Amino acid sequence: MMGINKNTILAWATLIMILMGFLLIGLGAFRYNDVAGWGFGATGVGFLAIAWVFNALKGRL
């Protein structure tokens, strides 16, 4: 199936998590100015942290 292996799946997951992280941080910064903005920003940072872990796992599994 088109050369999809574990590293390719982790690369796609990392890319999607980075995009979602920046989207959530952007929502928190520009859309929601109240307490909900802090929640969106914190969740976005969490997504970026998980993406960092996915990137570190490439080639090790």
PDB file of N, CA and C in Angstrom:
ATOM      1  N   MET A   1       0.836  -1.183   0.000  1.00  0.00           N
ATOM      2  CA  MET A   1       0.000   0.000   0.000  1.00  0.00           C
ATOM      3  C   MET A   1       0.880   1.245   0.000  1.00  0.00           C
ATOM      4  N   MET A   2       1.393   1.669  -1.076  1.00  0.00           N
ATOM      5  CA  MET A   2       2.120   2.911  -1.313  1.00  0.00           C
ATOM      6  C   MET A   2       3.256   3.161  -0.324  1.00  0.00           C
ATOM      7  N   GLY A   3       3.827   2.155   0.281  1.00  0.00           N
ATOM      8  CA  GLY A   3       4.971   2.349   1.160  1.00  0.00           C
ATOM      9  C   GLY A   3       4.647   3.011   2.482  1.00  0.00           C
ATOM     10  N   ILE A   4       3.433   2.807   2.976  1.00  0.00           N
ATOM     11  CA  ILE A   4       3.069   3.378   4.270  1.00  0.00           C
ATOM     12  C   ILE A   4       3.569   2.436   5.355  1.00  0.00           C
ATOM     13  N   ASN A   5       4.521   2.918   6.139  1.00  0.00           N
ATOM     14  CA  ASN A   5       5.013   2.140   7.262  1.00  0.00           C
ATOM     15  C   ASN A   5       4.822   2.954   8.543  1.00  0.00           C
ATOM     16  N   LYS A   6       5.390   2.473   9.644  1.00  0.00           N
ATOM     17  CA  LYS A   6       5.198   3.148  10.923  1.00  0.00           C
ATOM     18  C   LYS A   6       5.767   4.570  10.918  1.00  0.00           C
ATOM     19  N   ASN A   7       6.908   4.762  10.273  1.00  0.00           N
ATOM     20  CA  ASN A   7       7.502   6.097  10.242  1.00  0.00           C
ATOM     21  C   ASN A   7       6.652   7.079   9.445  1.00  0.00           C
ATOM     22  N   THR A   8       6.056   6.618   8.355  1.00  0.00           N
ATOM     23  CA  THR A   8       5.190   7.490   7.553  1.00  0.00           C
ATOM     24  C   THR A   8       3.950   7.881   8.343  1.00  0.00           C
ATOM     25  N   ILE A   9       3.384   6.923   9.057  1.00  0.00           N
ATOM     26  CA  ILE A   9       2.198   7.218   9.863  1.00  0.00           C
ATOM     27  C   ILE A   9       2.548   8.201  10.973  1.00  0.00           C
ATOM     28  N   LEU A  10       3.699   8.014  11.623  1.00  0.00           N
ATOM     29  CA  LEU A  10       4.109   8.958  12.660  1.00  0.00           C
ATOM     30  C   LEU A  10       4.386  10.339  12.082  1.00  0.00           C
ATOM     31  N   ALA A  11       4.924  10.401  10.873  1.00  0.00           N
ATOM     32  CA  ALA A  11       5.175  11.700  10.239  1.00  0.00           C
ATOM     33  C   ALA A  11       3.859  12.424   9.960  1.00  0.00           C
ATOM     34  N   TRP A  12       2.862  11.713   9.432  1.00  0.00           N
ATOM     35  CA  TRP A  12       1.559  12.329   9.179  1.00  0.00           C
ATOM     36  C   TRP A  12       0.891  12.749  10.484  1.00  0.00           C
ATOM     37  N   ALA A  13       0.987  11.908  11.510  1.00  0.00           N
ATOM     38  CA  ALA A  13       0.397  12.259  12.803  1.00  0.00           C
ATOM     39  C   ALA A  13       1.075  13.496  13.376  1.00  0.00           C
ATOM     40  N   THR A  14       2.392  13.587  13.231  1.00  0.00           N
ATOM     41  CA  THR A  14       3.121  14.762  13.716  1.00  0.00           C
ATOM     42  C   THR A  14       2.668  16.017  12.984  1.00  0.00           C
ATOM     43  N   LEU A  15       2.536  15.949  11.678  1.00  0.00           N
ATOM     44  CA  LEU A  15       2.103  17.110  10.895  1.00  0.00           C
ATOM     45  C   LEU A  15       0.696  17.555  11.300  1.00  0.00           C
ATOM     46  N   ILE A  16      -0.215  16.603  11.440  1.00  0.00           N
ATOM     47  CA  ILE A  16      -1.592  16.941  11.820  1.00  0.00           C
ATOM     48  C   ILE A  16      -1.627  17.550  13.218  1.00  0.00           C
ATOM     49  N   MET A  17      -0.832  16.992  14.148  1.00  0.00           N
ATOM     50  CA  MET A  17      -0.819  17.512  15.509  1.00  0.00           C
ATOM     51  C   MET A  17      -0.232  18.936  15.547  1.00  0.00           C
ATOM     52  N   ILE A  18       0.786  19.205  14.746  1.00  0.00           N
ATOM     53  CA  ILE A  18       1.362  20.551  14.692  1.00  0.00           C
ATOM     54  C   ILE A  18       0.332  21.545  14.154  1.00  0.00           C
ATOM     55  N   LEU A  19      -0.351  21.172  13.083  1.00  0.00           N
ATOM     56  CA  LEU A  19      -1.371  22.062  12.522  1.00  0.00           C
ATOM     57  C   LEU A  19      -2.493  22.333  13.523  1.00  0.00           C
ATOM     58  N   MET A  20      -2.970  21.289  14.195  1.00  0.00           N
ATOM     59  CA  MET A  20      -4.032  21.472  15.175  1.00  0.00           C
ATOM     60  C   MET A  20      -3.549  22.304  16.366  1.00  0.00           C
ATOM     61  N   GLY A  21      -2.299  22.101  16.780  1.00  0.00           N
ATOM     62  CA  GLY A  21      -1.756  22.885  17.886  1.00  0.00           C
ATOM     63  C   GLY A  21      -1.723  24.364  17.568  1.00  0.00           C
ATOM     64  N   PHE A  22      -1.219  24.701  16.381  1.00  0.00           N
ATOM     65  CA  PHE A  22      -1.175  26.113  15.996  1.00  0.00           C
ATOM     66  C   PHE A  22      -2.579  26.686  15.798  1.00  0.00           C
ATOM     67  N   LEU A  23      -3.500  25.873  15.293  1.00  0.00           N
ATOM     68  CA  LEU A  23      -4.885  26.324  15.134  1.00  0.00           C
ATOM     69  C   LEU A  23      -5.507  26.638  16.488  1.00  0.00           C
ATOM     70  N   LEU A  24      -5.300  25.758  17.463  1.00  0.00           N
ATOM     71  CA  LEU A  24      -5.862  25.999  18.791  1.00  0.00           C
ATOM     72  C   LEU A  24      -5.218  27.198  19.479  1.00  0.00           C
ATOM     73  N   ILE A  25      -3.919  27.358  19.333  1.00  0.00           N
ATOM     74  CA  ILE A  25      -3.261  28.531  19.911  1.00  0.00           C
ATOM     75  C   ILE A  25      -3.772  29.806  19.243  1.00  0.00           C
ATOM     76  N   GLY A  26      -3.963  29.749  17.925  1.00  0.00           N
ATOM     77  CA  GLY A  26      -4.517  30.901  17.213  1.00  0.00           C
ATOM     78  C   GLY A  26      -5.925  31.229  17.661  1.00  0.00           C
ATOM     79  N   LEU A  27      -6.752  30.212  17.872  1.00  0.00           N
ATOM     80  CA  LEU A  27      -8.106  30.458  18.377  1.00  0.00           C
ATOM     81  C   LEU A  27      -8.062  31.106  19.751  1.00  0.00           C
ATOM     82  N   GLY A  28      -7.193  30.589  20.601  1.00  0.00           N
ATOM     83  CA  GLY A  28      -7.095  31.153  21.943  1.00  0.00           C
ATOM     84  C   GLY A  28      -6.590  32.580  21.941  1.00  0.00           C
ATOM     85  N   ALA A  29      -5.686  32.896  21.023  1.00  0.00           N
ATOM     86  CA  ALA A  29      -5.090  34.233  21.008  1.00  0.00           C
ATOM     87  C   ALA A  29      -5.974  35.266  20.324  1.00  0.00           C
ATOM     88  N   PHE A  30      -6.651  34.868  19.245  1.00  0.00           N
ATOM     89  CA  PHE A  30      -7.345  35.866  18.425  1.00  0.00           C
ATOM     90  C   PHE A  30      -8.864  35.802  18.494  1.00  0.00           C
ATOM     91  N   ARG A  31      -9.424  34.659  18.849  1.00  0.00           N
ATOM     92  CA  ARG A  31     -10.883  34.541  18.816  1.00  0.00           C
ATOM     93  C   ARG A  31     -11.501  34.720  20.199  1.00  0.00           C
ATOM     94  N   TYR A  32     -10.922  34.056  21.190  1.00  0.00           N
ATOM     95  CA  TYR A  32     -11.502  34.075  22.533  1.00  0.00           C
ATOM     96  C   TYR A  32     -10.617  34.903  23.455  1.00  0.00           C
ATOM     97  N   ASN A  33     -11.170  35.995  23.963  1.00  0.00           N
ATOM     98  CA  ASN A  33     -10.396  36.905  24.798  1.00  0.00           C
ATOM     99  C   ASN A  33     -10.635  36.681  26.284  1.00  0.00           C
ATOM    100  N   ASP A  34     -11.528  35.757  26.636  1.00  0.00           N
ATOM    101  CA  ASP A  34     -11.817  35.531  28.044  1.00  0.00           C
ATOM    102  C   ASP A  34     -11.044  34.299  28.539  1.00  0.00           C
ATOM    103  N   VAL A  35     -11.529  33.668  29.570  1.00  0.00           N
ATOM    104  CA  VAL A  35     -10.833  32.542  30.182  1.00  0.00           C
ATOM    105  C   VAL A  35     -10.722  31.366  29.207  1.00  0.00           C
ATOM    106  N   ALA A  36     -11.681  31.220  28.306  1.00  0.00           N
ATOM    107  CA  ALA A  36     -11.643  30.112  27.346  1.00  0.00           C
ATOM    108  C   ALA A  36     -10.405  30.192  26.458  1.00  0.00           C
ATOM    109  N   GLY A  37      -9.916  31.380  26.194  1.00  0.00           N
ATOM    110  CA  GLY A  37      -8.711  31.541  25.383  1.00  0.00           C
ATOM    111  C   GLY A  37      -7.503  30.881  26.012  1.00  0.00           C
ATOM    112  N   TRP A  38      -7.402  30.956  27.335  1.00  0.00           N
ATOM    113  CA  TRP A  38      -6.297  30.295  28.029  1.00  0.00           C
ATOM    114  C   TRP A  38      -6.398  28.786  27.872  1.00  0.00           C
ATOM    115  N   GLY A  39      -7.609  28.256  27.907  1.00  0.00           N
ATOM    116  CA  GLY A  39      -7.796  26.815  27.726  1.00  0.00           C
ATOM    117  C   GLY A  39      -7.412  26.366  26.328  1.00  0.00           C
ATOM    118  N   PHE A  40      -7.825  27.126  25.322  1.00  0.00           N
ATOM    119  CA  PHE A  40      -7.452  26.796  23.948  1.00  0.00           C
ATOM    120  C   PHE A  40      -5.939  26.866  23.762  1.00  0.00           C
ATOM    121  N   GLY A  41      -5.317  27.887  24.334  1.00  0.00           N
ATOM    122  CA  GLY A  41      -3.863  28.022  24.217  1.00  0.00           C
ATOM    123  C   GLY A  41      -3.131  26.886  24.897  1.00  0.00           C
ATOM    124  N   ALA A  42      -3.573  26.506  26.096  1.00  0.00           N
ATOM    125  CA  ALA A  42      -2.927  25.405  26.815  1.00  0.00           C
ATOM    126  C   ALA A  42      -3.098  24.085  26.079  1.00  0.00           C
ATOM    127  N   THR A  43      -4.262  23.867  25.507  1.00  0.00           N
ATOM    128  CA  THR A  43      -4.496  22.645  24.737  1.00  0.00           C
ATOM    129  C   THR A  43      -3.628  22.636  23.491  1.00  0.00           C
ATOM    130  N   GLY A  44      -3.470  23.781  22.845  1.00  0.00           N
ATOM    131  CA  GLY A  44      -2.599  23.871  21.671  1.00  0.00           C
ATOM    132  C   GLY A  44      -1.155  23.558  22.003  1.00  0.00           C
ATOM    133  N   VAL A  45      -0.689  24.048  23.145  1.00  0.00           N
ATOM    134  CA  VAL A  45       0.673  23.734  23.574  1.00  0.00           C
ATOM    135  C   VAL A  45       0.799  22.241  23.852  1.00  0.00           C
ATOM    136  N   GLY A  46      -0.227  21.647  24.419  1.00  0.00           N
ATOM    137  CA  GLY A  46      -0.227  20.199  24.650  1.00  0.00           C
ATOM    138  C   GLY A  46      -0.146  19.418  23.353  1.00  0.00           C
ATOM    139  N   PHE A  47      -0.871  19.869  22.337  1.00  0.00           N
ATOM    140  CA  PHE A  47      -0.810  19.216  21.030  1.00  0.00           C
ATOM    141  C   PHE A  47       0.605  19.293  20.462  1.00  0.00           C
ATOM    142  N   LEU A  48       1.255  20.450  20.616  1.00  0.00           N
ATOM    143  CA  LEU A  48       2.627  20.590  20.119  1.00  0.00           C
ATOM    144  C   LEU A  48       3.587  19.678  20.880  1.00  0.00           C
ATOM    145  N   ALA A  49       3.359  19.509  22.180  1.00  0.00           N
ATOM    146  CA  ALA A  49       4.216  18.621  22.965  1.00  0.00           C
ATOM    147  C   ALA A  49       4.055  17.166  22.515  1.00  0.00           C
ATOM    148  N   ILE A  50       2.831  16.751  22.240  1.00  0.00           N
ATOM    149  CA  ILE A  50       2.604  15.385  21.768  1.00  0.00           C
ATOM    150  C   ILE A  50       3.200  15.204  20.378  1.00  0.00           C
ATOM    151  N   ALA A  51       3.105  16.223  19.535  1.00  0.00           N
ATOM    152  CA  ALA A  51       3.719  16.151  18.205  1.00  0.00           C
ATOM    153  C   ALA A  51       5.230  16.001  18.312  1.00  0.00           C
ATOM    154  N   TRP A  52       5.828  16.659  19.301  1.00  0.00           N
ATOM    155  CA  TRP A  52       7.259  16.544  19.526  1.00  0.00           C
ATOM    156  C   TRP A  52       7.629  15.107  19.898  1.00  0.00           C
ATOM    157  N   VAL A  53       6.804  14.477  20.725  1.00  0.00           N
ATOM    158  CA  VAL A  53       7.032  13.087  21.101  1.00  0.00           C
ATOM    159  C   VAL A  53       6.894  12.183  19.890  1.00  0.00           C
ATOM    160  N   PHE A  54       5.859  12.397  19.066  1.00  0.00           N
ATOM    161  CA  PHE A  54       5.683  11.592  17.853  1.00  0.00           C
ATOM    162  C   PHE A  54       6.892  11.719  16.950  1.00  0.00           C
ATOM    163  N   ASN A  55       7.413  12.949  16.814  1.00  0.00           N
ATOM    164  CA  ASN A  55       8.576  13.166  15.965  1.00  0.00           C
ATOM    165  C   ASN A  55       9.801  12.437  16.529  1.00  0.00           C
ATOM    166  N   ALA A  56       9.929  12.417  17.847  1.00  0.00           N
ATOM    167  CA  ALA A  56      11.067  11.730  18.466  1.00  0.00           C
ATOM    168  C   ALA A  56      10.959  10.221  18.321  1.00  0.00           C
ATOM    169  N   LEU A  57       9.752   9.702  18.168  1.00  0.00           N
ATOM    170  CA  LEU A  57       9.568   8.252  18.046  1.00  0.00           C
ATOM    171  C   LEU A  57       9.860   7.725  16.644  1.00  0.00           C
ATOM    172  N   LYS A  58       9.910   8.625  15.659  1.00  0.00           N
ATOM    173  CA  LYS A  58      10.175   8.160  14.291  1.00  0.00           C
ATOM    174  C   LYS A  58      11.541   7.475  14.232  1.00  0.00           C
ATOM    175  N   GLY A  59      11.595   6.297  13.672  1.00  0.00           N
ATOM    176  CA  GLY A  59      12.837   5.549  13.533  1.00  0.00           C
ATOM    177  C   GLY A  59      13.165   4.707  14.738  1.00  0.00           C
ATOM    178  N   ARG A  60      12.429   4.831  15.817  1.00  0.00           N
ATOM    179  CA  ARG A  60      12.702   4.064  17.024  1.00  0.00           C
ATOM    180  C   ARG A  60      11.719   2.913  17.241  1.00  0.00           C
ATOM    181  N   LEU A  61      10.613   2.947  16.553  1.00  0.00           N
ATOM    182  CA  LEU A  61       9.621   1.873  16.729  1.00  0.00           C
ATOM    183  C   LEU A  61       9.849   0.750  15.754  1.00  0.00           C
TER     184      LEU A  61
END
